[in-house]
């Protein structure tokens, strides 16, 4: 199987598992609402969960991201046996570090709760501290999950890492259906810890199939361990800085009309769906390949792999951007407009969605380009870029919020991310030489033209059907689905006629198989 075929196949597997996991996650949220409602207990639970998940998520993501290029370096120098030995050492060292971190954070839990929920007092504050301390046990497993994720992905094995959301959600769902009435809100937090542990368990069979066997090795002086920890720090800081963007947006939105924060939140979730499912799958599959090429000092291989990833991202994100801009209002109506979410909320959310969508291409490219830097074992540049991006975002927020209210905050985010992405590309060009920018620009304009034709067809089809069928939830959904279906066909045909290589290759392969 060729490299491109394998990449596409692996990405499709991740996308399918991601969509399934998100569906189960939706069921989980519905069951939590049904069993516990909207109360002081649930407010307290979500604050405690966010505190635990924030720390464990940071640890897992930072370790898995930096471990892939380092373990690829180990394999290139010491072979598969050395790779497995260093993975075992990493597991034991990270577990030890996680244990120390757990003790420190547990002692400081009251301060952490005060920081995240300053309004909690009395029994609610005490409950939040108890729940947070229970949830912090996730830290013990999250670092090891990060190591195993890095190891498996470096082996080009993505099934287990893609499906870890399934056991996670199944544990929650089982508890909510059968045990929630017996153990209450504290039991729900324990279920969260068990759910996190289940993510580690599901990785073990695939790791064993790759030849991995656990062995107790503990060498804190190992230079590769130190390298992972050293590289992880800028990643942790970078993630925290990126999260600061959302905090700044919410703070400024709190001074606007009621519903501004919610509109930004819902719009960000919709625009982030493409990033979280499709683009994340592409970067997950490509990152280990980039790391191996970089460790083999094959810069041409790095450029070739990056070029393939960028073209795939452009093919997905440009039509997605046009589609969300053209059909923003019906998308929001179908997704959210029910109950207390009225027409005004739909209008505000659709406005934010339009301007968040404008940054989708840049956000997606930034995710891939950051991985290129990481594969070159450079985690400082993306961190510095994140600081610059936040700076631009704050300045643009203060300017645009005066004229465009909450929509200005969304536009500021998109502009800041676009500037940051261009700077990352320019820095990468200086680092590894010519990137073949002319080819990207050609693909961008061809895809943009095909997407424009697609957008026009989608707009005419939706509004035409909506006018014929009339106003109703079902008819609105039917109109949207038909418009999207036609848009996909028109986009595919247009890309083929405009001789976009990736689309023509895909069509020829399908024809050959048929």
Protein backbone atom coordinates (compact mmCIF):
# COMPACT_ATOMS: atom_id res chain seq x y z
CA UNK A 1 0.00 0.00 0.00
CA UNK A 2 1.41 3.43 -0.96
CA UNK A 3 2.10 6.07 1.70
CA UNK A 4 -0.81 8.27 0.51
CA UNK A 5 -3.27 5.35 0.46
CA UNK A 6 -2.23 4.30 3.95
CA UNK A 7 -2.54 7.87 5.22
CA UNK A 8 -6.05 8.29 3.82
CA UNK A 9 -7.17 4.88 5.12
CA UNK A 10 -5.82 5.59 8.63
CA UNK A 11 -7.38 9.07 8.63
CA UNK A 12 -10.78 7.62 7.63
CA UNK A 13 -10.60 5.10 10.49
CA UNK A 14 -9.87 7.90 12.97
CA UNK A 15 -12.70 10.04 11.55
CA UNK A 16 -15.21 7.17 11.88
CA UNK A 17 -14.14 6.43 15.46
CA UNK A 18 -14.17 10.15 16.33
CA UNK A 19 -17.72 10.59 15.03
CA UNK A 20 -18.87 7.48 16.93
CA UNK A 21 -17.17 8.72 20.10
CA UNK A 22 -18.80 12.15 19.80
CA UNK A 23 -22.21 10.49 19.39
CA UNK A 24 -21.63 8.45 22.57
CA UNK A 25 -20.44 11.62 24.29
CA UNK A 26 -23.71 13.30 23.37
CA UNK A 27 -25.66 10.37 24.90
CA UNK A 28 -23.48 10.68 28.03
CA UNK A 29 -24.35 14.37 28.39
CA UNK A 30 -28.07 13.67 27.85
CA UNK A 31 -28.02 10.98 30.57
CA UNK A 32 -26.18 13.25 33.03
CA UNK A 33 -28.84 15.91 32.44
CA UNK A 34 -31.64 13.34 32.84
CA UNK A 35 -30.23 11.78 36.04
CA UNK A 36 -28.92 14.87 37.82
CA UNK A 37 -30.67 17.78 36.06
CA UNK A 38 -29.32 21.31 36.34
CA UNK A 39 -28.52 21.81 40.01
CA UNK A 40 -25.87 22.83 42.54
CA UNK A 41 -24.52 19.25 42.39
CA UNK A 42 -24.05 19.29 38.61
CA UNK A 43 -22.53 22.78 38.67
CA UNK A 44 -20.07 21.54 41.29
CA UNK A 45 -19.36 18.34 39.35
CA UNK A 46 -18.57 20.15 36.10
CA UNK A 47 -16.21 22.58 37.84
CA UNK A 48 -14.42 19.68 39.58
CA UNK A 49 -14.28 17.70 36.34
CA UNK A 50 -12.89 20.65 34.37
CA UNK A 51 -10.13 21.10 36.97
CA UNK A 52 -9.15 17.41 36.82
CA UNK A 53 -9.51 17.10 33.05
CA UNK A 54 -7.54 20.31 32.46
CA UNK A 55 -4.44 19.04 34.25
CA UNK A 56 -4.66 15.42 33.03
CA UNK A 57 -5.40 16.56 29.45
CA UNK A 58 -2.43 18.93 29.42
CA UNK A 59 -0.15 16.15 30.65
CA UNK A 60 -1.39 13.49 28.22
CA UNK A 61 -1.29 15.75 25.13
CA UNK A 62 2.11 17.25 25.93
CA UNK A 63 3.71 13.84 26.52
CA UNK A 64 2.22 12.13 23.45
CA UNK A 65 3.13 15.07 21.19
CA UNK A 66 6.76 15.28 22.25
CA UNK A 67 7.31 11.52 22.70
CA UNK A 68 6.66 10.68 19.02
CA UNK A 69 9.67 12.51 17.52
CA UNK A 70 11.94 11.45 20.41
CA UNK A 71 11.00 7.76 20.25
CA UNK A 72 11.45 7.88 16.46
CA UNK A 73 14.98 9.16 17.09
CA UNK A 74 15.58 6.28 19.53
CA UNK A 75 14.35 3.74 16.96
CA UNK A 76 16.59 5.14 14.24
CA UNK A 77 19.64 4.80 16.52
CA UNK A 78 18.88 1.76 18.71
CA UNK A 79 16.29 -0.20 16.76
CA UNK A 80 12.95 -1.67 17.90
CA UNK A 81 14.40 -3.22 21.08
CA UNK A 82 15.81 0.11 22.22
CA UNK A 83 12.52 1.79 21.39
CA UNK A 84 10.57 -0.62 23.64
CA UNK A 85 13.10 -0.26 26.48
CA UNK A 86 12.89 3.54 26.39
CA UNK A 87 9.09 3.39 26.21
CA UNK A 88 9.06 1.27 29.40
CA UNK A 89 11.42 3.71 31.09
CA UNK A 90 9.21 6.60 30.02
CA UNK A 91 6.08 4.90 31.41
CA UNK A 92 7.69 4.38 34.83
CA UNK A 93 9.26 7.85 35.06
CA UNK A 94 6.05 9.59 33.96
CA UNK A 95 3.99 7.56 36.46
CA UNK A 96 6.40 8.64 39.23
CA UNK A 97 6.21 12.30 38.13
CA UNK A 98 2.40 12.05 37.93
CA UNK A 99 2.27 10.67 41.48
CA UNK A 100 4.27 13.65 42.81
CA UNK A 101 2.07 16.05 40.79
CA UNK A 102 -1.07 14.39 42.19
CA UNK A 103 0.10 14.92 45.80
CA UNK A 104 1.02 18.57 45.17
CA UNK A 105 -2.22 19.44 43.37
CA UNK A 106 -4.34 17.55 45.95
CA UNK A 107 -2.85 19.67 48.73
CA UNK A 108 -3.64 22.81 46.74
CA UNK A 109 -7.15 21.75 45.71
CA UNK A 110 -8.98 24.40 47.84
CA UNK A 111 -6.99 27.15 46.09
CA UNK A 112 -7.67 25.58 42.70
CA UNK A 113 -11.43 25.46 43.36
CA UNK A 114 -11.39 29.10 44.54
CA UNK A 115 -9.65 30.08 41.33
CA UNK A 116 -12.11 28.25 39.05
CA UNK A 117 -15.29 28.92 41.04
CA UNK A 118 -14.88 31.95 43.29
CA UNK A 119 -18.63 31.99 43.97
CA UNK A 120 -18.69 28.56 45.66
CA UNK A 121 -19.19 28.73 49.43
CA UNK A 122 -20.04 26.46 52.34
CA UNK A 123 -21.24 22.96 51.47
CA UNK A 124 -20.90 23.57 47.73
CA UNK A 125 -17.24 24.56 48.14
CA UNK A 126 -16.55 21.51 50.35
CA UNK A 127 -18.23 19.22 47.80
CA UNK A 128 -16.19 20.78 44.97
CA UNK A 129 -12.95 20.11 46.88
CA UNK A 130 -13.95 16.45 47.52
CA UNK A 131 -14.98 15.84 43.92
CA UNK A 132 -11.84 17.50 42.55
CA UNK A 133 -9.59 15.37 44.77
CA UNK A 134 -11.36 12.24 43.53
CA UNK A 135 -11.04 13.36 39.90
CA UNK A 136 -7.36 14.24 40.22
CA UNK A 137 -6.61 10.50 40.26
CA UNK A 138 -6.94 10.80 36.46
CA UNK A 139 -3.45 12.35 36.52
CA UNK A 140 -1.93 8.95 37.40
CA UNK A 141 -3.19 7.44 34.14
CA UNK A 142 -3.11 10.40 31.75
CA UNK A 143 0.68 10.58 31.48
CA UNK A 144 0.97 6.84 30.79
CA UNK A 145 -1.86 7.13 28.21
CA UNK A 146 0.17 9.88 26.54
CA UNK A 147 3.27 7.64 26.39
CA UNK A 148 1.32 4.68 24.97
CA UNK A 149 -0.42 6.94 22.44
CA UNK A 150 2.95 8.25 21.26
CA UNK A 151 4.40 4.74 21.03
CA UNK A 152 1.45 3.30 19.07
CA UNK A 153 1.26 6.22 16.66
CA UNK A 154 5.00 6.03 16.03
CA UNK A 155 4.32 2.40 15.05
CA UNK A 156 1.66 3.62 12.57
CA UNK A 157 -1.02 1.94 14.71
CA UNK A 158 -4.03 4.22 15.11
CA UNK A 159 -6.99 1.94 15.88
CA UNK A 160 -6.61 1.81 19.66
CA UNK A 161 -5.71 5.48 20.03
CA UNK A 162 -8.66 6.47 17.83
CA UNK A 163 -11.21 4.40 19.74
CA UNK A 164 -10.24 5.34 23.32
CA UNK A 165 -13.34 7.53 23.47
CA UNK A 166 -15.55 4.42 23.26
CA UNK A 167 -14.64 2.71 26.57
CA UNK A 168 -14.48 6.15 28.19
CA UNK A 169 -18.10 6.91 27.27
CA UNK A 170 -19.32 3.33 27.86
CA UNK A 171 -18.13 3.47 31.50
CA UNK A 172 -20.04 6.73 32.05
CA UNK A 173 -23.17 5.42 30.31
CA UNK A 174 -23.13 2.16 32.31
CA UNK A 175 -22.84 4.09 35.58
CA UNK A 176 -25.60 6.53 34.65
CA UNK A 177 -28.00 3.76 33.62
CA UNK A 178 -27.45 1.31 36.48
CA UNK A 179 -25.52 2.86 39.39
CA UNK A 180 -26.21 6.61 39.52
CA UNK A 181 -29.22 6.37 41.86
CA UNK A 182 -27.13 4.35 44.33
CA UNK A 183 -23.84 6.32 44.37
CA UNK A 184 -24.90 9.83 43.35
CA UNK A 185 -22.64 12.66 42.20
CA UNK A 186 -19.51 11.33 43.97
CA UNK A 187 -19.97 8.02 42.17
CA UNK A 188 -20.17 9.93 38.89
CA UNK A 189 -16.72 11.40 39.54
CA UNK A 190 -15.34 7.95 40.39
CA UNK A 191 -16.83 6.74 37.09
CA UNK A 192 -14.83 9.50 35.38
CA UNK A 193 -11.60 8.14 36.90
CA UNK A 194 -12.49 4.56 35.87
CA UNK A 195 -13.37 5.84 32.38
CA UNK A 196 -9.92 7.43 32.08
CA UNK A 197 -8.25 4.19 33.20
CA UNK A 198 -10.26 2.27 30.57
CA UNK A 199 -8.54 4.38 27.87
CA UNK A 200 -5.22 2.88 28.96
CA UNK A 201 -6.60 -0.68 29.01
CA UNK A 202 -7.86 -0.47 25.42
CA UNK A 203 -4.34 0.42 24.20
CA UNK A 204 -2.65 -2.64 25.70
CA UNK A 205 -3.74 -5.33 23.15
CA UNK A 206 -2.54 -3.31 20.16
CA UNK A 207 0.72 -2.47 21.95
CA UNK A 208 1.33 -6.19 22.58
CA UNK A 209 0.52 -6.95 18.94
CA UNK A 210 3.29 -4.53 17.95
CA UNK A 211 5.81 -6.48 20.08
CA UNK A 212 5.68 -4.29 23.20
CA UNK A 213 6.11 -6.02 26.58
CA UNK A 214 6.13 -4.18 29.89
CA UNK A 215 9.36 -4.28 31.87
CA UNK A 216 10.30 -2.27 34.94
CA UNK A 217 13.06 0.14 33.90
CA UNK A 218 13.61 3.34 35.85
CA UNK A 219 16.40 5.65 34.74
CA UNK A 220 15.70 9.31 35.40
CA UNK A 221 19.15 10.22 33.96
CA UNK A 222 18.26 8.87 30.50
CA UNK A 223 18.94 11.71 28.05
CA UNK A 224 15.83 10.86 26.01
CA UNK A 225 13.61 11.11 29.09
CA UNK A 226 15.10 14.51 29.84
CA UNK A 227 14.56 15.54 26.23
CA UNK A 228 10.84 14.62 26.37
CA UNK A 229 10.36 16.52 29.63
CA UNK A 230 12.32 19.50 28.24
CA UNK A 231 10.28 19.56 25.01
CA UNK A 232 6.99 19.08 26.89
CA UNK A 233 7.28 22.32 28.89
CA UNK A 234 6.86 24.70 25.90
CA UNK A 235 3.94 22.55 24.66
CA UNK A 236 2.21 22.86 28.04
CA UNK A 237 2.78 26.62 28.05
CA UNK A 238 1.60 26.85 24.43
CA UNK A 239 -1.65 25.01 25.17
CA UNK A 240 -2.27 27.26 28.19
CA UNK A 241 -1.63 30.35 26.06
CA UNK A 242 -4.05 29.17 23.37
CA UNK A 243 -6.71 28.59 26.04
CA UNK A 244 -6.12 32.17 27.15
CA UNK A 245 -7.67 33.34 23.86
CA UNK A 246 -11.01 31.82 24.87
CA UNK A 247 -10.74 33.37 28.36
CA UNK A 248 -10.12 36.83 26.86
CA UNK A 249 -13.07 36.43 24.48
CA UNK A 250 -15.42 35.37 27.30
CA UNK A 251 -14.25 38.22 29.55
CA UNK A 252 -14.96 40.87 26.90
CA UNK A 253 -18.23 39.18 25.88
CA UNK A 254 -19.43 39.35 29.50
CA UNK A 255 -19.72 43.13 29.06
CA UNK A 256 -21.97 42.78 25.99
CA UNK A 257 -25.67 41.94 25.67
CA UNK A 258 -26.97 38.82 27.40
CA UNK A 259 -26.28 35.68 25.38
CA UNK A 260 -23.03 36.88 23.79
CA UNK A 261 -20.87 34.36 25.66
CA UNK A 262 -23.22 31.50 24.77
CA UNK A 263 -23.32 32.56 21.11
CA UNK A 264 -19.52 32.48 20.92
CA UNK A 265 -19.40 29.13 22.71
CA UNK A 266 -21.97 27.40 20.45
CA UNK A 267 -20.47 28.88 17.27
CA UNK A 268 -16.98 27.81 18.30
CA UNK A 269 -18.21 24.24 18.88
CA UNK A 270 -19.72 24.10 15.37
CA UNK A 271 -16.68 25.51 13.58
CA UNK A 272 -14.40 23.36 15.75
CA UNK A 273 -16.19 20.18 14.69
CA UNK A 274 -14.29 20.12 11.37
CA UNK A 275 -11.03 20.75 13.20
CA UNK A 276 -11.66 18.18 15.93
CA UNK A 277 -12.78 15.33 13.68
CA UNK A 278 -11.32 15.67 10.18
CA UNK A 279 -8.19 17.81 10.54
CA UNK A 280 -7.16 16.14 13.79
CA UNK A 281 -7.32 12.78 12.00
CA UNK A 282 -5.03 13.99 9.20
CA UNK A 283 -2.44 15.51 11.55
CA UNK A 284 -2.52 12.44 13.82
CA UNK A 285 -1.65 10.15 10.91
CA UNK A 286 0.94 12.45 9.34
CA UNK A 287 2.82 13.41 12.53
CA UNK A 288 4.65 10.05 13.03
CA UNK A 289 5.66 10.06 9.35
CA UNK A 290 7.05 13.59 9.71
CA UNK A 291 8.98 12.54 12.84
CA UNK A 292 10.60 9.55 11.10
CA UNK A 293 11.60 11.61 8.08
CA UNK A 294 13.05 14.32 10.33
CA UNK A 295 15.03 11.81 12.41
CA UNK A 296 16.40 10.29 9.19
CA UNK A 297 17.45 13.84 8.26
CA UNK A 298 15.33 13.56 5.13
CA UNK A 299 14.14 17.17 4.82
CA UNK A 300 12.74 16.51 1.34
CA UNK A 301 10.62 13.74 2.90
CA UNK A 302 9.39 16.17 5.56
CA UNK A 303 8.43 18.69 2.87
CA UNK A 304 6.71 16.06 0.73
CA UNK A 305 4.67 14.73 3.68
CA UNK A 306 3.77 18.25 4.77
CA UNK A 307 2.75 19.16 1.21
CA UNK A 308 0.40 16.17 1.04
CA UNK A 309 -1.14 17.14 4.40
CA UNK A 310 -1.60 20.79 3.44
CA UNK A 311 -3.34 19.89 0.17
CA UNK A 312 -5.72 17.53 2.00
CA UNK A 313 -6.48 20.23 4.57
CA UNK A 314 -7.20 22.83 1.88
CA UNK A 315 -9.52 20.38 0.09
CA UNK A 316 -11.54 19.93 3.30
CA UNK A 317 -11.45 23.31 5.02
CA UNK A 318 -12.08 25.72 2.12
CA UNK A 319 -15.44 24.16 1.13
CA UNK A 320 -16.30 23.75 4.84
CA UNK A 321 -15.64 27.47 5.35
CA UNK A 322 -17.81 28.47 2.39
CA UNK A 323 -20.56 26.06 3.44
CA UNK A 324 -20.70 27.36 7.01
CA UNK A 325 -20.76 30.97 5.83
CA UNK A 326 -23.53 30.39 3.27
CA UNK A 327 -25.65 28.09 5.47
CA UNK A 328 -24.77 29.47 8.92
CA UNK A 329 -28.35 30.29 9.93
CA UNK A 330 -30.01 26.96 9.02
CA UNK A 331 -27.09 25.03 10.53
CA UNK A 332 -27.53 26.83 13.88
CA UNK A 333 -31.35 26.52 13.71
CA UNK A 334 -31.21 22.75 13.26
CA UNK A 335 -28.41 22.23 15.79
CA UNK A 336 -29.65 24.40 18.64
CA UNK A 337 -32.95 26.28 18.12
CA UNK A 338 -35.36 24.65 20.55
CA UNK A 339 -36.69 25.44 24.02
CA UNK A 340 -35.00 28.54 25.44
CA UNK A 341 -32.73 28.87 22.40
CA UNK A 342 -34.84 31.31 20.37
CA UNK A 343 -34.53 33.13 17.03
CA UNK A 344 -32.42 35.90 18.57
CA UNK A 345 -29.94 33.35 19.92
CA UNK A 346 -29.83 31.71 16.48
CA UNK A 347 -29.06 35.03 14.82
CA UNK A 348 -26.27 35.88 17.29
CA UNK A 349 -24.74 32.41 17.04
CA UNK A 350 -24.90 32.32 13.23
CA UNK A 351 -23.14 35.72 13.10
CA UNK A 352 -20.34 34.38 15.29
CA UNK A 353 -20.18 31.18 13.21
CA UNK A 354 -19.61 33.14 10.00
CA UNK A 355 -16.60 34.97 11.45
CA UNK A 356 -15.14 31.96 13.28
CA UNK A 357 -15.37 30.03 9.99
CA UNK A 358 -13.11 32.59 8.32
CA UNK A 359 -10.24 31.31 10.47
CA UNK A 360 -10.89 27.60 9.87
CA UNK A 361 -8.30 27.20 7.07
CA UNK A 362 -5.61 28.98 9.09
CA UNK A 363 -6.43 27.06 12.30
CA UNK A 364 -6.17 23.75 10.44
CA UNK A 365 -2.90 24.62 8.70
CA UNK A 366 -1.49 25.86 12.00
CA UNK A 367 -2.25 22.49 13.60
CA UNK A 368 -0.25 20.68 10.89
CA UNK A 369 2.62 23.18 10.71
CA UNK A 370 3.02 23.03 14.48
CA UNK A 371 3.45 19.26 14.13
CA UNK A 372 6.20 19.87 11.56
CA UNK A 373 8.06 22.00 14.13
CA UNK A 374 7.53 19.30 16.77
CA UNK A 375 8.87 16.62 14.41
CA UNK A 376 12.03 18.75 14.12
CA UNK A 377 12.08 18.77 17.96
CA UNK A 378 11.40 22.51 18.06
CA UNK A 379 8.63 23.22 20.59
CA UNK A 380 9.73 26.76 21.45
CA UNK A 381 8.78 28.39 18.13
CA UNK A 382 5.09 27.31 18.28
CA UNK A 383 4.97 28.51 21.91
CA UNK A 384 6.35 31.95 20.98
CA UNK A 385 3.95 32.03 18.04
CA UNK A 386 1.10 31.35 20.47
CA UNK A 387 2.12 34.33 22.60
CA UNK A 388 2.16 36.59 19.52
CA UNK A 389 -1.24 35.25 18.45
CA UNK A 390 -2.77 36.08 21.84
CA UNK A 391 -1.27 39.57 21.63
CA UNK A 392 -2.84 40.18 18.20
CA UNK A 393 -6.12 38.69 19.42
CA UNK A 394 -6.34 41.04 22.41
CA UNK A 395 -5.54 44.13 20.32
CA UNK A 396 -8.03 43.20 17.59
CA UNK A 397 -10.66 42.28 20.21
CA UNK A 398 -10.47 45.73 21.78
CA UNK A 399 -10.83 47.38 18.36
CA UNK A 400 -13.50 45.19 16.71
CA UNK A 401 -15.75 44.64 19.74
CA UNK A 402 -16.66 48.36 19.62
CA UNK A 403 -18.06 48.10 16.10
CA UNK A 404 -19.22 44.47 15.78
CA UNK A 405 -19.95 43.37 19.38
CA UNK A 406 -19.56 39.57 19.86
CA UNK A 407 -19.10 39.02 16.10
CA UNK A 408 -16.03 41.25 16.31
CA UNK A 409 -14.52 38.94 18.93
CA UNK A 410 -14.97 35.97 16.57
CA UNK A 411 -13.44 37.90 13.65
CA UNK A 412 -10.50 39.02 15.82
CA UNK A 413 -9.76 35.37 16.67
CA UNK A 414 -9.78 34.40 12.98
CA UNK A 415 -7.51 37.28 11.94
CA UNK A 416 -5.05 36.61 14.79
CA UNK A 417 -4.84 32.89 13.92
CA UNK A 418 -4.31 33.72 10.22
CA UNK A 419 -1.44 36.09 11.04
CA UNK A 420 0.12 33.53 13.40
CA UNK A 421 -0.12 30.78 10.75
CA UNK A 422 1.56 32.94 8.09
CA UNK A 423 4.36 33.69 10.57
CA UNK A 424 4.79 29.96 11.32
CA UNK A 425 5.05 29.21 7.59
CA UNK A 426 7.59 31.98 7.08
CA UNK A 427 9.65 30.73 10.05
CA UNK A 428 9.54 27.17 8.69
CA UNK A 429 10.74 28.36 5.29
CA UNK A 430 13.75 29.98 6.96
CA UNK A 431 14.36 26.77 8.93
CA UNK A 432 14.18 24.12 6.18
CA UNK A 433 14.19 26.06 2.90
CA UNK A 434 11.62 26.42 0.13
CA UNK A 435 8.19 24.92 0.94
CA UNK A 436 6.72 24.89 -2.56
CA UNK A 437 4.38 27.77 -1.73
CA UNK A 438 3.43 28.25 -5.40
CA UNK A 439 1.81 24.80 -5.45
CA UNK A 440 -0.19 25.59 -2.28
CA UNK A 441 -1.41 28.87 -3.77
CA UNK A 442 -2.51 27.06 -6.95
CA UNK A 443 -4.42 24.46 -4.93
CA UNK A 444 -5.91 27.23 -2.77
CA UNK A 445 -7.29 29.16 -5.74
CA UNK A 446 -8.57 26.06 -7.56
CA UNK A 447 -10.26 24.79 -4.40
CA UNK A 448 -11.56 28.28 -3.65
CA UNK A 449 -13.15 28.55 -7.11
CA UNK A 450 -14.73 25.08 -6.80
CA UNK A 451 -16.00 26.00 -3.32
CA UNK A 452 -17.49 29.27 -4.59
CA UNK A 453 -19.49 27.39 -7.24
CA UNK A 454 -20.50 24.88 -4.57
CA UNK A 455 -21.58 27.68 -2.20
CA UNK A 456 -23.75 29.31 -4.86
CA UNK A 457 -25.47 26.00 -5.62
CA UNK A 458 -26.01 25.31 -1.90
CA UNK A 459 -27.50 28.78 -1.32
CA UNK A 460 -29.90 28.55 -4.28
CA UNK A 461 -30.89 24.95 -3.46
CA UNK A 462 -31.56 25.61 0.22
CA UNK A 463 -33.52 28.84 -0.22
CA UNK A 464 -35.44 27.43 -3.19
CA UNK A 465 -36.53 24.30 -1.29
CA UNK A 466 -37.21 26.28 1.89
CA UNK A 467 -39.52 28.58 -0.06
CA UNK A 468 -41.38 25.64 -1.64
CA UNK A 469 -41.67 23.37 1.43
CA UNK A 470 -42.46 26.05 3.99
CA UNK A 471 -41.43 26.63 7.60
CA UNK A 472 -40.99 23.56 9.81
CA UNK A 473 -38.12 21.78 11.57
CA UNK A 474 -38.42 18.71 9.35
CA UNK A 475 -38.65 20.69 6.08
CA UNK A 476 -35.73 22.87 7.19
CA UNK A 477 -33.64 19.75 7.80
CA UNK A 478 -34.66 18.23 4.46
CA UNK A 479 -33.78 21.47 2.64
CA UNK A 480 -30.39 21.62 4.33
CA UNK A 481 -29.54 17.96 3.63
CA UNK A 482 -30.49 18.25 -0.05
CA UNK A 483 -28.49 21.48 -0.37
CA UNK A 484 -25.43 19.90 1.26
CA UNK A 485 -25.74 16.75 -0.89
CA UNK A 486 -25.88 18.80 -4.11
CA UNK A 487 -23.01 20.96 -2.87
CA UNK A 488 -20.76 17.92 -2.28
CA UNK A 489 -21.47 16.58 -5.80
CA UNK A 490 -20.86 19.97 -7.43
CA UNK A 491 -17.66 20.46 -5.42
CA UNK A 492 -16.31 17.04 -6.37
CA UNK A 493 -17.06 17.52 -10.07
CA UNK A 494 -15.58 21.04 -10.04
CA UNK A 495 -12.38 19.84 -8.37
CA UNK A 496 -12.05 17.08 -10.98
CA UNK A 497 -12.57 19.52 -13.87
CA UNK A 498 -10.06 21.95 -12.36
CA UNK A 499 -7.51 19.09 -12.35
CA UNK A 500 -6.88 19.01 -8.61
CA UNK A 501 -4.46 16.08 -8.36
CA UNK A 502 -5.71 14.51 -5.10
CA UNK A 503 -9.33 14.44 -6.30
CA UNK A 504 -8.41 13.00 -9.72
CA UNK A 505 -6.30 10.29 -8.05
CA UNK A 506 -9.18 9.37 -5.74
CA UNK A 507 -11.67 9.19 -8.64
CA UNK A 508 -9.33 7.03 -10.74
CA UNK A 509 -8.76 4.63 -7.83
CA UNK A 510 -12.51 4.29 -7.27
CA UNK A 511 -13.09 3.65 -10.98
CA UNK A 512 -10.28 1.07 -11.02
CA UNK A 513 -11.76 -0.80 -8.05
CA UNK A 514 -15.25 -0.76 -9.60
